[in-house]
């Protein structure tokens, strides 16, 4: 099984013309082209969004000195009466 030869392509083309008619073929080709174009645009639009989210999740968060000191200190004891 390989690529169809010239005669096989002519037979396939004849069958397509019989099924869809000469006027429908350009409309089908136009719709197929627009679908492919829309798909490529949506894939291209999604790539920067994914890369941006990866950068945000990998960046370490800054901890302020006062928060860090508070978490490492021992709790203060209180006197009860």
PDB file of N, CA and C in Angstrom:
ATOM      1  N   UNK A   1       0.842  -1.173   0.000  1.00  0.00           N
ATOM      2  CA  UNK A   1       0.000   0.000   0.000  1.00  0.00           C
ATOM      3  C   UNK A   1       0.887   1.235   0.000  1.00  0.00           C
ATOM      4  N   UNK A   2       0.768   2.006  -1.011  1.00  0.00           N
ATOM      5  CA  UNK A   2       1.523   3.240  -1.109  1.00  0.00           C
ATOM      6  C   UNK A   2       0.611   4.350  -1.560  1.00  0.00           C
ATOM      7  N   UNK A   3       1.199   5.348  -2.121  1.00  0.00           N
ATOM      8  CA  UNK A   3       0.445   6.478  -2.648  1.00  0.00           C
ATOM      9  C   UNK A   3      -0.319   6.030  -3.893  1.00  0.00           C
ATOM     10  N   UNK A   4      -1.535   6.538  -4.086  1.00  0.00           N
ATOM     11  CA  UNK A   4      -2.294   6.169  -5.284  1.00  0.00           C
ATOM     12  C   UNK A   4      -1.620   6.731  -6.549  1.00  0.00           C
ATOM     13  N   UNK A   5      -1.682   5.946  -7.615  1.00  0.00           N
ATOM     14  CA  UNK A   5      -1.076   6.380  -8.878  1.00  0.00           C
ATOM     15  C   UNK A   5      -2.004   7.368  -9.586  1.00  0.00           C
ATOM     16  N   UNK A   6      -1.601   7.811 -10.770  1.00  0.00           N
ATOM     17  CA  UNK A   6      -2.366   8.802 -11.523  1.00  0.00           C
ATOM     18  C   UNK A   6      -3.769   8.328 -11.878  1.00  0.00           C
ATOM     19  N   UNK A   7      -3.888   7.093 -12.315  1.00  0.00           N
ATOM     20  CA  UNK A   7      -5.193   6.561 -12.707  1.00  0.00           C
ATOM     21  C   UNK A   7      -6.123   6.439 -11.497  1.00  0.00           C
ATOM     22  N   UNK A   8      -5.576   6.007 -10.361  1.00  0.00           N
ATOM     23  CA  UNK A   8      -6.385   5.882  -9.150  1.00  0.00           C
ATOM     24  C   UNK A   8      -6.864   7.251  -8.667  1.00  0.00           C
ATOM     25  N   UNK A   9      -5.998   8.272  -8.758  1.00  0.00           N
ATOM     26  CA  UNK A   9      -6.400   9.619  -8.383  1.00  0.00           C
ATOM     27  C   UNK A   9      -7.505  10.148  -9.285  1.00  0.00           C
ATOM     28  N   UNK A  10      -7.433   9.839 -10.587  1.00  0.00           N
ATOM     29  CA  UNK A  10      -8.463  10.288 -11.522  1.00  0.00           C
ATOM     30  C   UNK A  10      -9.809   9.644 -11.190  1.00  0.00           C
ATOM     31  N   UNK A  11      -9.797   8.382 -10.827  1.00  0.00           N
ATOM     32  CA  UNK A  11     -11.035   7.680 -10.464  1.00  0.00           C
ATOM     33  C   UNK A  11     -11.622   8.281  -9.187  1.00  0.00           C
ATOM     34  N   UNK A  12     -10.778   8.530  -8.210  1.00  0.00           N
ATOM     35  CA  UNK A  12     -11.248   9.131  -6.951  1.00  0.00           C
ATOM     36  C   UNK A  12     -11.830  10.511  -7.211  1.00  0.00           C
ATOM     37  N   UNK A  13     -11.159  11.318  -8.030  1.00  0.00           N
ATOM     38  CA  UNK A  13     -11.642  12.651  -8.359  1.00  0.00           C
ATOM     39  C   UNK A  13     -12.995  12.579  -9.076  1.00  0.00           C
ATOM     40  N   UNK A  14     -13.151  11.627  -9.994  1.00  0.00           N
ATOM     41  CA  UNK A  14     -14.426  11.452 -10.698  1.00  0.00           C
ATOM     42  C   UNK A  14     -15.558  11.097  -9.739  1.00  0.00           C
ATOM     43  N   UNK A  15     -15.283  10.231  -8.784  1.00  0.00           N
ATOM     44  CA  UNK A  15     -16.296   9.839  -7.808  1.00  0.00           C
ATOM     45  C   UNK A  15     -16.691  11.030  -6.937  1.00  0.00           C
ATOM     46  N   UNK A  16     -15.714  11.841  -6.528  1.00  0.00           N
ATOM     47  CA  UNK A  16     -15.990  13.018  -5.699  1.00  0.00           C
ATOM     48  C   UNK A  16     -16.871  13.999  -6.461  1.00  0.00           C
ATOM     49  N   UNK A  17     -16.572  14.207  -7.744  1.00  0.00           N
ATOM     50  CA  UNK A  17     -17.380  15.131  -8.550  1.00  0.00           C
ATOM     51  C   UNK A  17     -18.802  14.603  -8.703  1.00  0.00           C
ATOM     52  N   UNK A  18     -18.959  13.299  -8.893  1.00  0.00           N
ATOM     53  CA  UNK A  18     -20.296  12.723  -8.998  1.00  0.00           C
ATOM     54  C   UNK A  18     -21.085  12.873  -7.691  1.00  0.00           C
ATOM     55  N   UNK A  19     -20.423  12.678  -6.573  1.00  0.00           N
ATOM     56  CA  UNK A  19     -21.117  12.741  -5.290  1.00  0.00           C
ATOM     57  C   UNK A  19     -21.496  14.163  -4.893  1.00  0.00           C
ATOM     58  N   UNK A  20     -20.579  15.098  -5.035  1.00  0.00           N
ATOM     59  CA  UNK A  20     -20.795  16.445  -4.530  1.00  0.00           C
ATOM     60  C   UNK A  20     -21.186  17.450  -5.602  1.00  0.00           C
ATOM     61  N   UNK A  21     -20.861  17.189  -6.826  1.00  0.00           N
ATOM     62  CA  UNK A  21     -21.139  18.152  -7.894  1.00  0.00           C
ATOM     63  C   UNK A  21     -20.019  19.171  -8.018  1.00  0.00           C
ATOM     64  N   UNK A  22     -19.915  19.791  -9.171  1.00  0.00           N
ATOM     65  CA  UNK A  22     -18.838  20.731  -9.440  1.00  0.00           C
ATOM     66  C   UNK A  22     -18.907  22.006  -8.616  1.00  0.00           C
ATOM     67  N   UNK A  23     -20.115  22.425  -8.226  1.00  0.00           N
ATOM     68  CA  UNK A  23     -20.254  23.675  -7.477  1.00  0.00           C
ATOM     69  C   UNK A  23     -19.926  23.512  -5.996  1.00  0.00           C
ATOM     70  N   UNK A  24     -20.107  22.343  -5.453  1.00  0.00           N
ATOM     71  CA  UNK A  24     -19.879  22.128  -4.022  1.00  0.00           C
ATOM     72  C   UNK A  24     -18.400  21.950  -3.681  1.00  0.00           C
ATOM     73  N   UNK A  25     -17.591  21.480  -4.608  1.00  0.00           N
ATOM     74  CA  UNK A  25     -16.186  21.192  -4.319  1.00  0.00           C
ATOM     75  C   UNK A  25     -15.426  22.446  -3.877  1.00  0.00           C
ATOM     76  N   UNK A  26     -15.530  23.599  -4.586  1.00  0.00           N
ATOM     77  CA  UNK A  26     -14.820  24.788  -4.088  1.00  0.00           C
ATOM     78  C   UNK A  26     -15.306  25.241  -2.701  1.00  0.00           C
ATOM     79  N   UNK A  27     -16.587  25.085  -2.435  1.00  0.00           N
ATOM     80  CA  UNK A  27     -17.102  25.450  -1.114  1.00  0.00           C
ATOM     81  C   UNK A  27     -16.523  24.540  -0.034  1.00  0.00           C
ATOM     82  N   UNK A  28     -16.430  23.244  -0.331  1.00  0.00           N
ATOM     83  CA  UNK A  28     -15.851  22.307   0.626  1.00  0.00           C
ATOM     84  C   UNK A  28     -14.372  22.609   0.865  1.00  0.00           C
ATOM     85  N   UNK A  29     -13.645  22.915  -0.204  1.00  0.00           N
ATOM     86  CA  UNK A  29     -12.225  23.234  -0.066  1.00  0.00           C
ATOM     87  C   UNK A  29     -12.027  24.518   0.744  1.00  0.00           C
ATOM     88  N   UNK A  30     -12.878  25.516   0.516  1.00  0.00           N
ATOM     89  CA  UNK A  30     -12.789  26.779   1.249  1.00  0.00           C
ATOM     90  C   UNK A  30     -13.050  26.544   2.737  1.00  0.00           C
ATOM     91  N   UNK A  31     -14.073  25.766   3.051  1.00  0.00           N
ATOM     92  CA  UNK A  31     -14.388  25.461   4.442  1.00  0.00           C
ATOM     93  C   UNK A  31     -13.269  24.686   5.118  1.00  0.00           C
ATOM     94  N   UNK A  32     -12.663  23.752   4.388  1.00  0.00           N
ATOM     95  CA  UNK A  32     -11.552  22.981   4.938  1.00  0.00           C
ATOM     96  C   UNK A  32     -10.359  23.894   5.216  1.00  0.00           C
ATOM     97  N   UNK A  33     -10.070  24.804   4.285  1.00  0.00           N
ATOM     98  CA  UNK A  33      -8.963  25.741   4.476  1.00  0.00           C
ATOM     99  C   UNK A  33      -9.185  26.660   5.664  1.00  0.00           C
ATOM    100  N   UNK A  34     -10.408  27.154   5.840  1.00  0.00           N
ATOM    101  CA  UNK A  34     -10.713  28.019   6.977  1.00  0.00           C
ATOM    102  C   UNK A  34     -10.605  27.252   8.296  1.00  0.00           C
ATOM    103  N   UNK A  35     -11.029  26.009   8.280  1.00  0.00           N
ATOM    104  CA  UNK A  35     -10.923  25.188   9.489  1.00  0.00           C
ATOM    105  C   UNK A  35      -9.478  24.967   9.892  1.00  0.00           C
ATOM    106  N   UNK A  36      -8.617  24.686   8.924  1.00  0.00           N
ATOM    107  CA  UNK A  36      -7.201  24.488   9.209  1.00  0.00           C
ATOM    108  C   UNK A  36      -6.578  25.789   9.724  1.00  0.00           C
ATOM    109  N   UNK A  37      -6.943  26.909   9.099  1.00  0.00           N
ATOM    110  CA  UNK A  37      -6.418  28.214   9.519  1.00  0.00           C
ATOM    111  C   UNK A  37      -6.838  28.529  10.955  1.00  0.00           C
ATOM    112  N   UNK A  38      -8.102  28.306  11.293  1.00  0.00           N
ATOM    113  CA  UNK A  38      -8.593  28.553  12.650  1.00  0.00           C
ATOM    114  C   UNK A  38      -7.889  27.661  13.673  1.00  0.00           C
ATOM    115  N   UNK A  39      -7.655  26.410  13.287  1.00  0.00           N
ATOM    116  CA  UNK A  39      -6.966  25.477  14.178  1.00  0.00           C
ATOM    117  C   UNK A  39      -5.546  25.946  14.458  1.00  0.00           C
ATOM    118  N   UNK A  40      -4.824  26.349  13.411  1.00  0.00           N
ATOM    119  CA  UNK A  40      -3.458  26.828  13.592  1.00  0.00           C
ATOM    120  C   UNK A  40      -3.421  28.081  14.457  1.00  0.00           C
ATOM    121  N   UNK A  41      -4.366  28.993  14.263  1.00  0.00           N
ATOM    122  CA  UNK A  41      -4.414  30.219  15.075  1.00  0.00           C
ATOM    123  C   UNK A  41      -4.683  29.905  16.537  1.00  0.00           C
ATOM    124  N   UNK A  42      -5.582  28.961  16.800  1.00  0.00           N
ATOM    125  CA  UNK A  42      -5.890  28.630  18.191  1.00  0.00           C
ATOM    126  C   UNK A  42      -4.709  27.942  18.864  1.00  0.00           C
ATOM    127  N   UNK A  43      -3.973  27.119  18.132  1.00  0.00           N
ATOM    128  CA  UNK A  43      -2.791  26.478  18.700  1.00  0.00           C
ATOM    129  C   UNK A  43      -1.722  27.525  18.982  1.00  0.00           C
ATOM    130  N   UNK A  44      -1.551  28.475  18.068  1.00  0.00           N
ATOM    131  CA  UNK A  44      -0.559  29.521  18.242  1.00  0.00           C
ATOM    132  C   UNK A  44      -0.912  30.413  19.420  1.00  0.00           C
ATOM    133  N   UNK A  45      -2.194  30.697  19.632  1.00  0.00           N
ATOM    134  CA  UNK A  45      -2.634  31.542  20.736  1.00  0.00           C
ATOM    135  C   UNK A  45      -2.456  30.851  22.078  1.00  0.00           C
ATOM    136  N   UNK A  46      -2.557  29.534  22.130  1.00  0.00           N
ATOM    137  CA  UNK A  46      -2.442  28.807  23.386  1.00  0.00           C
ATOM    138  C   UNK A  46      -1.001  28.658  23.847  1.00  0.00           C
ATOM    139  N   UNK A  47      -0.029  28.638  22.956  1.00  0.00           N
ATOM    140  CA  UNK A  47       1.362  28.411  23.340  1.00  0.00           C
ATOM    141  C   UNK A  47       1.895  29.467  24.301  1.00  0.00           C
ATOM    142  N   UNK A  48       1.738  30.783  24.052  1.00  0.00           N
ATOM    143  CA  UNK A  48       2.267  31.761  25.015  1.00  0.00           C
ATOM    144  C   UNK A  48       1.604  31.674  26.377  1.00  0.00           C
ATOM    145  N   UNK A  49       0.343  31.329  26.423  1.00  0.00           N
ATOM    146  CA  UNK A  49      -0.372  31.214  27.688  1.00  0.00           C
ATOM    147  C   UNK A  49       0.228  30.094  28.528  1.00  0.00           C
ATOM    148  N   UNK A  50       0.530  28.970  27.915  1.00  0.00           N
ATOM    149  CA  UNK A  50       1.103  27.839  28.637  1.00  0.00           C
ATOM    150  C   UNK A  50       2.491  28.202  29.135  1.00  0.00           C
ATOM    151  N   UNK A  51       3.312  28.835  28.319  1.00  0.00           N
ATOM    152  CA  UNK A  51       4.660  29.202  28.725  1.00  0.00           C
ATOM    153  C   UNK A  51       4.617  30.212  29.865  1.00  0.00           C
ATOM    154  N   UNK A  52       3.684  31.149  29.827  1.00  0.00           N
ATOM    155  CA  UNK A  52       3.565  32.159  30.874  1.00  0.00           C
ATOM    156  C   UNK A  52       3.185  31.504  32.197  1.00  0.00           C
ATOM    157  N   UNK A  53       2.279  30.549  32.184  1.00  0.00           N
ATOM    158  CA  UNK A  53       1.863  29.877  33.415  1.00  0.00           C
ATOM    159  C   UNK A  53       3.004  29.053  33.997  1.00  0.00           C
ATOM    160  N   UNK A  54       3.844  28.436  33.148  1.00  0.00           N
ATOM    161  CA  UNK A  54       4.974  27.665  33.635  1.00  0.00           C
ATOM    162  C   UNK A  54       5.955  28.557  34.388  1.00  0.00           C
ATOM    163  N   UNK A  55       6.209  29.756  33.880  1.00  0.00           N
ATOM    164  CA  UNK A  55       7.132  30.674  34.529  1.00  0.00           C
ATOM    165  C   UNK A  55       6.609  31.088  35.897  1.00  0.00           C
ATOM    166  N   UNK A  56       5.323  31.321  36.005  1.00  0.00           N
ATOM    167  CA  UNK A  56       4.744  31.773  37.269  1.00  0.00           C
ATOM    168  C   UNK A  56       4.788  30.681  38.326  1.00  0.00           C
ATOM    169  N   UNK A  57       4.604  29.429  37.948  1.00  0.00           N
ATOM    170  CA  UNK A  57       4.572  28.359  38.936  1.00  0.00           C
ATOM    171  C   UNK A  57       5.969  27.992  39.405  1.00  0.00           C
ATOM    172  N   UNK A  58       7.002  28.201  38.596  1.00  0.00           N
ATOM    173  CA  UNK A  58       8.344  27.822  38.977  1.00  0.00           C
ATOM    174  C   UNK A  58       9.053  28.910  39.777  1.00  0.00           C
ATOM    175  N   UNK A  59       8.597  30.131  39.734  1.00  0.00           N
ATOM    176  CA  UNK A  59       9.266  31.232  40.428  1.00  0.00           C
ATOM    177  C   UNK A  59       9.076  31.083  41.936  1.00  0.00           C
ATOM    178  N   UNK A  60      10.165  31.190  42.695  1.00  0.00           N
ATOM    179  CA  UNK A  60      10.027  31.088  44.156  1.00  0.00           C
ATOM    180  C   UNK A  60       9.343  32.322  44.712  1.00  0.00           C
ATOM    181  N   UNK A  61       8.594  32.127  45.760  1.00  0.00           N
ATOM    182  CA  UNK A  61       7.879  33.231  46.387  1.00  0.00           C
ATOM    183  C   UNK A  61       8.781  33.888  47.418  1.00  0.00           C
ATOM    184  N   UNK A  62       8.723  35.205  47.506  1.00  0.00           N
ATOM    185  CA  UNK A  62       9.523  35.939  48.476  1.00  0.00           C
ATOM    186  C   UNK A  62       8.830  35.897  49.833  1.00  0.00           C
ATOM    187  N   UNK A  63       9.628  35.689  50.862  1.00  0.00           N
ATOM    188  CA  UNK A  63       9.112  35.689  52.221  1.00  0.00           C
ATOM    189  C   UNK A  63       9.717  36.886  52.922  1.00  0.00           C
ATOM    190  N   UNK A  64       8.875  37.691  53.531  1.00  0.00           N
ATOM    191  CA  UNK A  64       9.371  38.865  54.233  1.00  0.00           C
ATOM    192  C   UNK A  64      10.065  38.450  55.517  1.00  0.00           C
ATOM    193  N   UNK A  65      11.020  39.261  55.957  1.00  0.00           N
ATOM    194  CA  UNK A  65      11.822  38.947  57.139  1.00  0.00           C
ATOM    195  C   UNK A  65      10.960  38.837  58.387  1.00  0.00           C
ATOM    196  N   UNK A  66       9.960  39.690  58.543  1.00  0.00           N
ATOM    197  CA  UNK A  66       9.128  39.652  59.750  1.00  0.00           C
ATOM    198  C   UNK A  66       8.318  38.364  59.814  1.00  0.00           C
ATOM    199  N   UNK A  67       7.840  37.882  58.686  1.00  0.00           N
ATOM    200  CA  UNK A  67       7.081  36.626  58.675  1.00  0.00           C
ATOM    201  C   UNK A  67       7.996  35.456  58.978  1.00  0.00           C
ATOM    202  N   UNK A  68       9.221  35.504  58.450  1.00  0.00           N
ATOM    203  CA  UNK A  68      10.169  34.417  58.651  1.00  0.00           C
ATOM    204  C   UNK A  68      10.582  34.343  60.120  1.00  0.00           C
ATOM    205  N   UNK A  69      10.844  35.490  60.729  1.00  0.00           N
ATOM    206  CA  UNK A  69      11.250  35.525  62.129  1.00  0.00           C
ATOM    207  C   UNK A  69      10.114  35.064  63.035  1.00  0.00           C
ATOM    208  N   UNK A  70       8.906  35.434  62.720  1.00  0.00           N
ATOM    209  CA  UNK A  70       7.764  35.053  63.543  1.00  0.00           C
ATOM    210  C   UNK A  70       7.537  33.547  63.527  1.00  0.00           C
ATOM    211  N   UNK A  71       7.812  32.933  62.419  1.00  0.00           N
ATOM    212  CA  UNK A  71       7.568  31.499  62.319  1.00  0.00           C
ATOM    213  C   UNK A  71       8.658  30.693  63.009  1.00  0.00           C
ATOM    214  N   UNK A  72       9.868  31.262  63.192  1.00  0.00           N
ATOM    215  CA  UNK A  72      10.954  30.508  63.812  1.00  0.00           C
ATOM    216  C   UNK A  72      11.049  30.743  65.314  1.00  0.00           C
ATOM    217  N   UNK A  73      10.436  31.787  65.843  1.00  0.00           N
ATOM    218  CA  UNK A  73      10.488  32.061  67.274  1.00  0.00           C
ATOM    219  C   UNK A  73       9.619  31.078  68.043  1.00  0.00           C
ATOM    220  N   UNK A  74      10.065  30.790  69.269  1.00  0.00           N
ATOM    221  CA  UNK A  74       9.269  29.923  70.138  1.00  0.00           C
ATOM    222  C   UNK A  74       8.109  30.740  70.687  1.00  0.00           C
ATOM    223  N   UNK A  75       6.991  30.110  70.931  1.00  0.00           N
ATOM    224  CA  UNK A  75       5.862  30.864  71.482  1.00  0.00           C
ATOM    225  C   UNK A  75       6.200  31.397  72.873  1.00  0.00           C
ATOM    226  N   UNK A  76       5.733  32.605  73.154  1.00  0.00           N
ATOM    227  CA  UNK A  76       6.001  33.237  74.440  1.00  0.00           C
ATOM    228  C   UNK A  76       5.075  32.642  75.507  1.00  0.00           C
ATOM    229  N   UNK A  77       5.681  32.441  76.681  1.00  0.00           N
ATOM    230  CA  UNK A  77       4.901  31.884  77.775  1.00  0.00           C
ATOM    231  C   UNK A  77       4.196  33.011  78.518  1.00  0.00           C
ATOM    232  N   UNK A  78       2.999  32.770  78.968  1.00  0.00           N
ATOM    233  CA  UNK A  78       2.260  33.758  79.734  1.00  0.00           C
ATOM    234  C   UNK A  78       1.955  33.186  81.114  1.00  0.00           C
ATOM    235  N   UNK A  79       1.933  34.067  82.081  1.00  0.00           N
ATOM    236  CA  UNK A  79       1.605  33.630  83.453  1.00  0.00           C
ATOM    237  C   UNK A  79       0.123  33.679  83.647  1.00  0.00           C
ATOM    238  N   UNK A  80      -0.387  32.641  84.244  1.00  0.00           N
ATOM    239  CA  UNK A  80      -1.821  32.617  84.537  1.00  0.00           C
ATOM    240  C   UNK A  80      -2.010  32.766  86.036  1.00  0.00           C
ATOM    241  N   UNK A  81      -3.038  33.491  86.453  1.00  0.00           N
ATOM    242  CA  UNK A  81      -3.269  33.745  87.865  1.00  0.00           C
ATOM    243  C   UNK A  81      -4.016  32.637  88.546  1.00  0.00           C
TER     244      UNK A  81
END
